[in-house]
Protein backbone atom coordinates (compact mmCIF):
# COMPACT_ATOMS: atom_id res chain seq x y z
CA MET A 1 98.79 179.45 107.40
CA ILE A 2 96.22 176.65 107.13
CA PHE A 3 97.43 173.72 105.03
CA ASN A 4 95.41 172.79 101.94
CA LYS A 5 95.98 170.72 98.83
CA LYS A 6 97.53 173.56 96.85
CA HIS A 7 100.48 173.52 99.25
CA LEU A 8 101.17 169.81 98.70
CA PRO A 9 103.33 170.25 95.56
CA ILE A 10 105.47 172.83 97.41
CA LEU A 11 105.99 170.49 100.34
CA LEU A 12 106.78 167.62 97.98
CA ALA A 13 109.36 169.76 96.16
CA LEU A 14 110.91 170.69 99.51
CA LEU A 15 111.06 166.99 100.44
CA PHE A 16 112.54 166.02 97.05
CA GLY A 17 115.33 168.55 97.62
CA ALA A 18 116.07 167.34 101.14
CA VAL A 19 116.31 163.66 100.18
CA SER A 20 118.58 164.50 97.21
CA VAL A 21 121.35 165.10 99.76
CA LEU A 22 121.50 161.29 100.14
CA GLY A 23 123.18 161.13 96.74
CA PHE A 24 126.20 162.96 98.12
CA ALA A 25 128.84 161.76 100.56
CA PRO A 26 128.84 160.20 103.08
CA TYR A 27 125.76 158.34 101.75
CA TYR A 28 126.62 157.92 98.03
CA LEU A 29 123.06 156.75 97.18
CA PHE A 30 123.33 157.96 93.59
CA PRO A 31 119.85 156.83 92.36
CA ILE A 32 118.09 159.02 94.96
CA PRO A 33 118.74 162.42 93.30
CA ILE A 34 117.67 161.02 89.91
CA ILE A 35 114.35 159.86 91.40
CA ALA A 36 113.89 163.06 93.41
CA ILE A 37 114.52 165.35 90.43
CA ALA A 38 112.17 163.17 88.36
CA GLY A 39 109.53 163.96 90.97
CA LEU A 40 110.30 167.67 90.65
CA CYS A 41 110.09 167.46 86.86
CA TYR A 42 106.72 165.72 87.21
CA LEU A 43 105.51 168.66 89.31
CA TRP A 44 106.89 171.11 86.75
CA ALA A 45 105.11 169.26 83.92
CA LYS A 46 101.81 169.36 85.81
CA THR A 47 102.01 172.99 86.90
CA GLY A 48 100.33 175.66 84.84
CA THR A 49 102.55 178.75 84.94
CA PRO A 50 106.25 179.66 84.99
CA THR A 51 105.74 181.48 88.30
CA THR A 52 104.43 178.33 89.96
CA ALA A 53 107.34 176.39 88.44
CA TRP A 54 109.70 178.95 90.00
CA ILE A 55 108.12 178.44 93.44
CA LEU A 56 108.46 174.66 93.13
CA GLY A 57 112.10 174.92 92.03
CA PHE A 58 112.91 177.35 94.81
CA SER A 59 111.31 174.97 97.34
CA TYR A 60 113.39 172.08 96.02
CA GLY A 61 116.53 174.23 96.32
CA LEU A 62 115.70 175.22 99.89
CA GLY A 63 115.32 171.58 100.84
CA LEU A 64 118.57 170.62 99.11
CA TYR A 65 120.76 173.38 100.49
CA CYS A 66 119.27 173.80 103.98
CA VAL A 67 119.90 170.10 104.59
CA GLY A 68 123.06 169.85 102.50
CA ILE A 69 125.06 172.84 103.76
CA TYR A 70 123.64 173.42 107.24
CA TRP A 71 127.23 173.17 108.50
CA ILE A 72 127.88 176.76 107.40
CA TYR A 73 126.12 177.66 110.64
CA ILE A 74 128.71 175.68 112.63
CA SER A 75 131.63 177.60 111.12
CA LEU A 76 129.96 180.97 111.70
CA HIS A 77 128.62 180.36 115.20
CA ASP A 78 130.69 177.64 116.88
CA PHE A 79 134.10 178.71 115.57
CA GLY A 80 133.52 182.21 114.18
CA GLY A 81 131.80 183.46 117.32
CA MET A 82 128.84 184.96 115.46
CA PRO A 83 125.57 185.22 117.48
CA TRP A 84 123.32 182.23 116.83
CA TRP A 85 120.50 184.24 115.30
CA PHE A 86 122.79 186.09 112.89
CA ALA A 87 124.66 182.90 111.96
CA GLY A 88 121.32 181.22 111.27
CA PHE A 89 120.15 184.19 109.22
CA CYS A 90 123.35 184.25 107.13
CA THR A 91 123.20 180.50 106.54
CA PHE A 92 119.57 180.70 105.45
CA CYS A 93 120.33 183.62 103.12
CA LEU A 94 123.07 181.61 101.42
CA CYS A 95 120.74 178.60 101.04
CA ALA A 96 117.98 180.83 99.66
CA PHE A 97 120.38 182.47 97.20
CA MET A 98 121.49 179.09 95.88
CA ALA A 99 117.87 177.90 95.74
CA LEU A 100 117.09 180.82 93.43
CA PHE A 101 119.00 179.04 90.66
CA VAL A 102 116.77 175.95 90.79
CA GLY A 103 113.75 178.27 90.79
CA LEU A 104 115.03 179.96 87.65
CA VAL A 105 115.52 176.57 85.99
CA GLY A 106 111.83 175.85 86.59
CA TYR A 107 110.69 179.29 85.48
CA PHE A 108 112.57 179.44 82.18
CA SER A 109 112.00 175.76 81.37
CA LYS A 110 108.28 176.28 81.73
CA LYS A 111 108.49 179.46 79.67
CA ILE A 112 110.35 177.77 76.83
CA SER A 113 108.04 174.73 76.80
CA SER A 114 104.77 176.63 77.23
CA LYS A 115 103.72 176.00 73.61
CA ASN A 116 105.35 172.60 73.31
CA PRO A 117 105.43 170.75 76.67
CA ALA A 118 107.67 168.06 75.19
CA LEU A 119 110.58 170.54 75.26
CA LEU A 120 110.55 170.39 79.05
CA TRP A 121 112.63 167.20 79.14
CA LEU A 122 115.36 168.94 77.12
CA SER A 123 115.29 172.47 78.56
CA VAL A 124 115.39 171.38 82.21
CA PRO A 125 118.74 169.48 82.10
CA VAL A 126 120.43 172.15 79.98
CA LEU A 127 119.31 174.98 82.25
CA TRP A 128 120.15 172.95 85.37
CA GLY A 129 123.68 172.29 84.13
CA LEU A 130 124.13 175.96 83.27
CA SER A 131 122.84 177.01 86.69
CA ASP A 132 125.38 174.72 88.38
CA TRP A 133 128.10 176.22 86.19
CA VAL A 134 127.05 179.82 86.91
CA ARG A 135 127.19 179.06 90.64
CA SER A 136 130.84 178.10 90.13
CA TRP A 137 131.88 181.64 89.24
CA ILE A 138 129.25 184.18 90.25
CA PHE A 139 130.46 186.19 93.29
CA THR A 140 133.72 184.14 93.12
CA GLY A 141 131.75 180.88 93.05
CA PHE A 142 130.29 178.32 95.42
CA PRO A 143 129.38 175.21 93.36
CA TRP A 144 128.75 173.01 96.40
CA LEU A 145 126.28 170.15 95.75
CA THR A 146 126.55 170.47 91.99
CA MET A 147 124.30 167.62 90.91
CA GLY A 148 126.95 165.79 88.91
CA TYR A 149 128.86 165.05 92.12
CA SER A 150 125.99 162.85 93.32
CA GLN A 151 126.98 160.26 90.70
CA VAL A 152 130.62 159.94 91.86
CA PRO A 153 132.11 157.38 91.93
CA HIS A 154 129.72 154.39 91.83
CA SER A 155 127.12 155.44 89.24
CA PRO A 156 127.60 154.48 85.59
CA LEU A 157 127.20 158.19 84.84
CA ALA A 158 130.59 158.76 86.51
CA GLY A 159 132.07 157.27 83.34
CA TYR A 160 131.31 160.52 81.54
CA MET A 161 133.28 162.61 84.04
CA PRO A 162 136.67 162.42 82.21
CA ILE A 163 134.93 163.63 79.03
CA VAL A 164 132.46 166.35 79.99
CA GLY A 165 133.35 167.10 83.63
CA VAL A 166 131.01 167.50 86.55
CA TYR A 167 128.70 170.05 84.88
CA GLY A 168 128.25 167.78 81.88
CA VAL A 169 127.36 164.94 84.24
CA SER A 170 124.82 167.28 85.88
CA VAL A 171 123.14 167.65 82.48
CA ILE A 172 123.11 163.89 81.88
CA THR A 173 121.81 163.15 85.38
CA VAL A 174 118.96 165.65 85.14
CA PHE A 175 118.25 164.57 81.55
CA ILE A 176 117.39 161.08 82.78
CA SER A 177 115.26 162.58 85.55
CA ALA A 178 113.45 164.88 83.14
CA LEU A 179 112.66 162.01 80.77
CA ILE A 180 111.17 159.99 83.63
CA GLY A 181 109.28 162.96 85.07
CA TYR A 182 107.82 163.99 81.73
CA TRP A 183 106.75 160.41 80.95
CA LEU A 184 105.06 160.05 84.34
CA ALA A 185 103.14 163.26 83.68
CA ASN A 186 102.12 162.26 80.14
CA LYS A 187 102.30 158.46 80.06
CA ARG A 188 98.85 157.95 78.54
CA GLN A 189 99.46 160.28 75.62
CA THR A 190 102.98 159.28 74.62
CA PRO A 191 103.55 155.53 74.10
CA ILE A 192 106.25 156.21 71.51
CA PHE A 193 107.99 158.55 73.92
CA LYS A 194 107.99 155.80 76.54
CA ARG A 195 109.80 153.40 74.22
CA ASN A 196 112.27 156.06 73.16
CA MET A 197 112.80 157.07 76.79
CA ILE A 198 113.70 153.51 77.79
CA GLY A 199 116.07 153.30 74.84
CA PHE A 200 117.72 156.62 75.68
CA VAL A 201 118.21 155.77 79.33
CA THR A 202 119.52 152.30 78.55
CA LEU A 203 122.00 153.69 76.03
CA ILE A 204 123.23 156.34 78.46
CA LEU A 205 123.72 153.86 81.30
CA VAL A 206 125.39 151.16 79.19
CA SER A 207 127.71 153.73 77.60
CA GLY A 208 128.59 155.01 81.06
CA PHE A 209 129.45 151.50 82.25
CA ILE A 210 131.73 151.03 79.24
CA LEU A 211 133.40 154.43 79.70
CA LYS A 212 134.20 153.57 83.31
CA THR A 213 136.51 150.82 82.04
CA VAL A 214 138.53 153.19 79.84
CA GLU A 215 142.04 154.10 81.02
CA TRP A 216 142.44 157.65 79.81
CA THR A 217 145.94 158.11 81.27
CA THR A 218 148.97 155.86 81.66
CA PRO A 219 151.21 155.14 84.68
CA THR A 220 154.55 156.90 84.71
CA GLY A 221 157.50 156.01 86.92
CA ALA A 222 157.50 153.72 89.92
CA PRO A 223 154.87 153.99 92.68
CA ILE A 224 155.94 155.97 95.73
CA LYS A 225 155.16 155.63 99.42
CA VAL A 226 153.29 158.64 100.79
CA ALA A 227 152.48 159.61 104.38
CA LEU A 228 149.32 161.71 104.79
CA VAL A 229 149.54 163.37 108.19
CA GLN A 230 146.34 164.23 110.08
CA GLY A 231 147.18 166.23 113.22
CA ASN A 232 143.64 166.57 114.61
CA ILE A 233 144.34 170.02 116.05
CA GLU A 234 141.25 171.59 117.64
CA GLN A 235 140.06 174.55 115.58
CA SER A 236 139.25 176.55 118.71
CA THR A 237 142.90 176.48 119.82
CA LYS A 238 144.68 176.16 116.48
CA TRP A 239 145.75 179.81 116.35
CA SER A 240 146.22 180.30 120.07
CA PRO A 241 149.79 181.68 120.63
CA GLU A 242 150.30 179.54 123.72
CA LYS A 243 149.38 176.40 121.78
CA ALA A 244 151.46 177.12 118.66
CA GLN A 245 154.71 175.53 119.80
CA GLY A 246 152.88 172.39 120.94
CA THR A 247 151.29 172.09 117.48
CA ILE A 248 154.67 172.53 115.78
CA ASP A 249 156.30 169.94 118.05
CA GLN A 250 153.47 167.49 117.37
CA TYR A 251 153.80 167.76 113.60
CA LEU A 252 157.60 167.56 113.74
CA SER A 253 157.28 164.37 115.77
CA MET A 254 154.75 162.89 113.33
CA LEU A 255 156.78 163.65 110.22
CA GLN A 256 160.03 162.37 111.77
CA ALA A 257 158.28 159.10 112.60
CA SER A 258 157.61 158.52 108.91
CA LYS A 259 160.04 157.07 106.38
CA ALA A 260 157.85 157.64 103.33
CA ASP A 261 159.10 158.92 99.99
CA LEU A 262 156.78 161.91 100.35
CA ILE A 263 155.21 163.34 103.52
CA ILE A 264 152.23 165.69 103.30
CA LEU A 265 150.94 167.89 106.13
CA PRO A 266 147.56 169.71 106.07
CA GLU A 267 146.61 173.29 105.25
CA THR A 268 148.22 175.78 107.69
CA ALA A 269 149.56 172.80 109.65
CA LEU A 270 152.19 174.98 111.33
CA PRO A 271 150.34 177.99 112.82
CA VAL A 272 153.10 180.51 112.15
CA ILE A 273 154.23 182.64 109.24
CA SER A 274 156.87 180.68 107.33
CA SER A 275 159.48 183.44 107.56
CA GLN A 276 159.07 183.49 111.35
CA LEU A 277 159.87 179.81 111.91
CA ASP A 278 162.53 179.28 114.52
CA ASP A 279 165.88 178.38 112.98
CA SER A 280 165.92 175.11 114.88
CA VAL A 281 162.54 174.10 113.43
CA LYS A 282 163.54 175.22 109.96
CA ASN A 283 166.83 173.29 110.10
CA THR A 284 165.02 170.17 111.33
CA ILE A 285 162.60 170.36 108.40
CA LEU A 286 165.33 170.98 105.82
CA ALA A 287 167.52 168.18 107.15
CA TYR A 288 164.71 165.66 107.20
CA ALA A 289 163.52 166.67 103.73
CA GLU A 290 166.86 165.68 102.22
CA LYS A 291 165.74 162.05 102.36
CA HIS A 292 162.00 162.45 102.82
CA PRO A 293 160.54 165.33 100.77
CA LEU A 294 157.76 167.26 102.48
CA ILE A 295 154.74 169.39 101.65
CA ILE A 296 153.65 171.59 104.56
CA GLY A 297 150.79 174.06 104.76
CA MET A 298 151.83 177.47 106.17
CA VAL A 299 151.13 181.16 105.78
CA GLU A 300 153.64 183.10 103.67
CA TYR A 301 154.41 186.79 103.95
CA ASP A 302 155.78 188.90 101.11
CA GLU A 303 157.89 191.67 102.63
CA LYS A 304 157.92 193.65 99.37
CA THR A 305 154.16 193.88 98.96
CA GLY A 306 153.02 193.32 102.55
CA GLU A 307 150.72 190.51 101.39
CA TYR A 308 149.90 187.26 103.17
CA PHE A 309 149.24 183.99 101.32
CA ASN A 310 147.71 180.65 102.28
CA SER A 311 150.49 178.46 100.93
CA ALA A 312 151.87 174.97 100.59
CA LEU A 313 155.65 174.79 100.90
CA GLY A 314 157.59 171.94 99.34
CA PHE A 315 160.93 170.90 100.81
CA GLY A 316 163.16 168.30 99.22
CA ASP A 317 165.22 167.03 96.30
CA ALA A 318 163.84 169.34 93.65
CA VAL A 319 166.81 169.90 91.35
CA ALA A 320 170.01 167.85 91.10
CA GLY A 321 169.95 166.91 94.75
CA GLU A 322 169.67 170.50 95.97
CA ASN A 323 167.30 170.96 98.88
CA LEU A 324 165.17 173.75 97.47
CA THR A 325 161.97 175.25 98.83
CA GLN A 326 159.04 175.37 96.44
CA SER A 327 155.79 177.18 97.02
CA TYR A 328 152.19 177.11 95.89
CA ALA A 329 149.99 180.04 97.02
CA LYS A 330 146.24 179.48 97.10
CA ASN A 331 144.55 181.22 94.19
CA HIS A 332 140.83 180.72 94.80
CA LEU A 333 140.13 182.21 98.21
CA VAL A 334 137.00 181.72 100.30
CA PRO A 335 134.94 184.93 100.43
CA PHE A 336 134.38 186.11 104.01
CA GLY A 337 136.69 183.31 105.17
CA GLU A 338 140.01 184.28 103.58
CA PHE A 339 139.28 187.69 102.12
CA ILE A 340 136.72 190.41 102.74
CA PRO A 341 134.74 191.33 99.61
CA LEU A 342 133.67 194.98 99.57
CA LYS A 343 135.69 195.58 102.71
CA LYS A 344 134.24 199.05 103.29
CA VAL A 345 130.74 197.59 103.29
CA PHE A 346 131.28 194.31 105.16
CA GLY A 347 134.32 195.11 107.30
CA TRP A 348 132.12 195.75 110.37
CA ILE A 349 131.07 192.08 110.39
CA TYR A 350 134.65 191.04 111.08
CA ARG A 351 135.26 193.83 113.55
CA ASP A 352 132.08 193.32 115.60
CA TRP A 353 130.73 189.81 114.93
CA LEU A 354 133.40 187.38 113.79
CA ASN A 355 136.67 186.05 115.13
CA MET A 356 138.26 184.44 112.09
CA PRO A 357 142.05 184.40 111.63
CA LEU A 358 143.60 184.92 108.19
CA SER A 359 140.48 186.64 106.85
CA ASP A 360 142.33 189.12 104.63
CA LEU A 361 144.70 187.09 102.46
CA SER A 362 145.95 187.72 98.93
CA ARG A 363 145.55 185.44 95.93
CA GLY A 364 148.39 183.46 94.44
CA GLY A 365 148.91 183.36 90.68
CA ALA A 366 146.34 181.64 88.47
CA HIS A 367 148.96 179.58 86.62
CA GLN A 368 151.50 178.07 89.01
CA GLN A 369 153.77 175.17 88.16
CA PRO A 370 153.62 171.72 89.79
CA MET A 371 156.14 170.98 92.52
CA ARG A 372 158.96 168.57 91.71
CA LEU A 373 159.28 166.22 94.66
CA ALA A 374 159.99 162.51 95.15
CA GLY A 375 160.37 162.00 91.40
CA GLN A 376 156.87 163.34 90.74
CA LYS A 377 155.35 166.56 89.43
CA ILE A 378 152.75 167.42 92.03
CA GLY A 379 149.78 169.64 91.29
CA VAL A 380 148.92 171.15 94.67
CA ASN A 381 145.57 172.69 95.55
CA ILE A 382 144.43 174.03 98.91
CA CYS A 383 141.11 173.60 100.69
CA TYR A 384 138.06 174.05 98.49
CA GLU A 385 140.08 174.82 95.36
CA ASP A 386 139.43 171.20 94.42
CA VAL A 387 135.76 172.11 93.90
CA PHE A 388 136.77 173.94 90.70
CA GLY A 389 137.76 171.40 88.06
CA GLU A 390 138.47 174.06 85.45
CA GLU A 391 141.15 175.49 87.77
CA ILE A 392 142.71 172.16 88.74
CA ILE A 393 143.50 171.36 85.09
CA ARG A 394 145.70 174.46 84.84
CA GLN A 395 148.59 172.35 86.20
CA LEU A 396 147.87 169.53 83.77
CA PRO A 397 148.95 167.54 81.88
CA ALA A 398 152.33 168.41 83.47
CA ALA A 399 151.35 167.18 86.95
CA THR A 400 151.60 163.43 87.56
CA LEU A 401 149.93 163.52 90.99
CA LEU A 402 147.32 165.80 92.58
CA VAL A 403 147.52 166.80 96.24
CA ASN A 404 144.87 168.59 98.26
CA ILE A 405 145.70 169.95 101.71
CA SER A 406 142.76 171.14 103.73
CA ASN A 407 141.31 171.98 107.14
CA ASP A 408 137.61 171.17 107.44
CA ALA A 409 137.68 171.39 111.22
CA TRP A 410 135.70 174.62 110.73
CA TYR A 411 132.59 172.49 110.17
CA GLY A 412 132.75 170.32 113.27
CA GLN A 413 131.52 166.74 113.04
CA SER A 414 129.19 167.41 110.11
CA TYR A 415 129.32 165.70 106.75
CA ALA A 416 131.03 168.70 105.11
CA ALA A 417 134.42 166.93 105.07
CA ASP A 418 132.92 163.85 103.38
CA GLN A 419 131.20 166.00 100.77
CA HIS A 420 134.52 167.74 100.19
CA MET A 421 136.25 164.39 99.66
CA GLN A 422 133.63 163.43 97.07
CA PHE A 423 134.54 166.54 95.10
CA SER A 424 138.18 165.41 95.17
CA GLN A 425 137.00 162.07 93.82
CA ALA A 426 135.46 163.92 90.88
CA ARG A 427 138.74 165.73 90.21
CA ALA A 428 140.58 162.39 90.12
CA LEU A 429 138.06 161.13 87.57
CA GLU A 430 138.20 164.26 85.43
CA THR A 431 142.00 164.30 85.27
CA GLY A 432 142.97 160.62 85.37
CA ARG A 433 145.28 161.31 88.32
CA TYR A 434 145.60 160.07 91.89
CA MET A 435 144.34 162.62 94.39
CA LEU A 436 146.05 162.58 97.79
CA ARG A 437 144.32 164.46 100.61
CA ALA A 438 145.99 165.51 103.87
CA THR A 439 143.62 167.25 106.26
CA ASN A 440 143.59 168.44 109.86
CA THR A 441 140.63 166.39 111.11
CA GLY A 442 139.32 164.56 107.99
CA ALA A 443 138.76 163.46 105.33
CA THR A 444 142.37 162.34 104.81
CA ALA A 445 142.43 159.87 101.93
CA SER A 446 144.04 158.40 98.83
CA ILE A 447 141.87 158.37 95.68
CA ASP A 448 142.66 156.49 92.47
CA THR A 449 142.18 157.58 88.86
CA HIS A 450 138.63 156.16 88.76
CA GLY A 451 137.56 158.19 91.77
CA TYR A 452 137.55 155.33 94.28
CA VAL A 453 138.89 155.83 97.78
CA LEU A 454 141.77 153.41 98.31
CA ALA A 455 142.49 154.40 101.92
CA HIS A 456 140.64 156.70 104.29
CA ALA A 457 141.76 157.77 107.77
CA PRO A 458 139.15 157.89 110.52
CA HIS A 459 137.93 161.38 111.33
CA ASP A 460 138.88 163.36 114.42
CA VAL A 461 141.91 161.29 115.38
CA GLN A 462 145.65 161.98 115.24
CA ILE A 463 147.01 159.61 112.61
CA THR A 464 149.45 159.18 109.73
CA LEU A 465 147.85 157.41 106.79
CA ASP A 466 150.49 155.48 104.84
CA VAL A 467 149.57 154.87 101.20
CA THR A 468 151.15 153.99 97.87
CA ALA A 469 150.59 156.40 94.99
CA GLN A 470 151.19 155.97 91.28
CA GLY A 471 152.02 158.88 89.01
CA TYR A 472 150.16 159.19 85.70
CA SER A 473 150.76 161.02 82.44
CA GLY A 474 148.52 161.92 79.52
CA SER A 475 145.31 163.87 79.18
CA THR A 476 141.64 163.08 79.48
CA PRO A 477 139.28 164.92 77.11
CA TYR A 478 138.33 167.14 80.05
CA VAL A 479 141.96 168.10 80.67
CA ARG A 480 142.26 169.08 76.99
CA TRP A 481 139.00 170.98 76.62
CA GLY A 482 137.77 171.80 80.13
CA ASN A 483 134.17 173.02 80.28
CA LEU A 484 134.15 174.34 76.69
CA PRO A 485 132.21 171.42 75.10
CA PHE A 486 129.64 171.59 77.91
CA ILE A 487 129.21 175.36 77.49
CA VAL A 488 128.92 175.16 73.68
CA PHE A 489 126.37 172.32 73.88
CA CYS A 490 124.23 174.02 76.54
CA PHE A 491 124.13 177.44 74.92
CA GLY A 492 123.62 175.91 71.47
CA THR A 493 120.68 173.86 72.72
CA LEU A 494 119.28 176.82 74.64
CA ILE A 495 119.50 179.11 71.60
CA PHE A 496 117.79 176.49 69.44
CA ASN A 497 114.96 175.98 71.93
CA THR A 498 114.52 179.70 72.51
CA SER A 499 114.47 180.39 68.77
CA ALA A 500 111.87 177.71 68.27
CA PHE A 501 109.81 179.25 71.07
CA VAL A 502 109.98 182.72 69.46
CA VAL A 503 109.04 181.35 66.03
CA ARG A 504 106.03 179.52 67.45
CA ARG A 505 104.81 182.69 69.16
CA LYS A 506 105.08 184.71 65.93
CA THR A 507 103.13 182.13 63.95
CA LYS A 508 100.22 182.17 66.39
């Protein structure tokens, strides 16, 4: 295809999407997505039809997701054993699917504002926030790179996180972008709008700065010393039977070297089914947990149902000095990674193309209780469960600490682990709780109630990160209400705008 000027907006939209990734970890350049989306909104304001707006939005989405989640290819090809061409095809299909949502934002925003272009600056942020939210549950959900995360933790907009959650912050972020983009496209015709825009943006930013100083929760109990164990076990050999005992011995050595009040090992740290642990290993764990409570990631097997669970097991002084074992079974499983959706349709992929262990697990209960260890009530979540804020708050306000155990070794030395940690930072902000992360290869970290990383272990090394953690009690507005205020606001605004659009059409 020969390039001409009509392709320039599409290429610009693609570029705007790609550079928006700089707002996310490990870069944390939070102004970049605001500027980039303002550029997209400018293109939407200048375009003539909803179809063209869809193309521009889809191009932005392709740029954002192809650059932002390219590491899906690594998990499928490098560790899953899928042929390079099929892994590339699957990764592109996922990126294209997610880009569809941005395209739909452009299409419907242009449709709603066709008779009154000024509505664009209101319809775009509402539809964008709703599209991020829909991505969190459609086909079990994959809300990676939700735009609100790009403002965590340094932006003043992060101050709104304990109130409206990440999807609400998406709306606020894109609202600022839409105001700027619309003004740039109409600056000669709207001097009053310019003054109001500056006032709106200033008010939003100043309010965000003030909200960041608010302590929504209060400390409870004395701080505890926590050891976050990062084993740095190679993913390619993690489930090798001949390597299993070496992995177990390594983790036993690392936990016995720690004298912390609480010791946390990563997701599936011990590559065996919990009921099949050697008695000597089990006795060593139980004996050590009497003085140093432990959380260890392992696979559980239910003999009654024949089901397997990705679990975190808690060992320690749970009740009146008794050394009891507590369990949390992962509820939100990764499709195609931990369970096979439509097994009769897609089962051949696992049989012929992939080599992924634990790909047919069962879900734990939706409402599980926090673990009682080391004088704390610990809300445990596993792997990418911490991407779903509405699910994390199920254990609140009872939980005083949040713990995420994970294994992002599946994504090699990409920035997937850093992006994942940023999502944990958002959960700390939303809940007003410390978030402690113990991972296999990174990002192992301690995060405070304002979403700031207090300590961060280097990636791809064997290390125990010793930190001090403070328990907290109380509820943020988000813990009380979840996503309900965001949903009511967005649908209310959308209904109002759509009704106004219909009325205008009838009066013509």
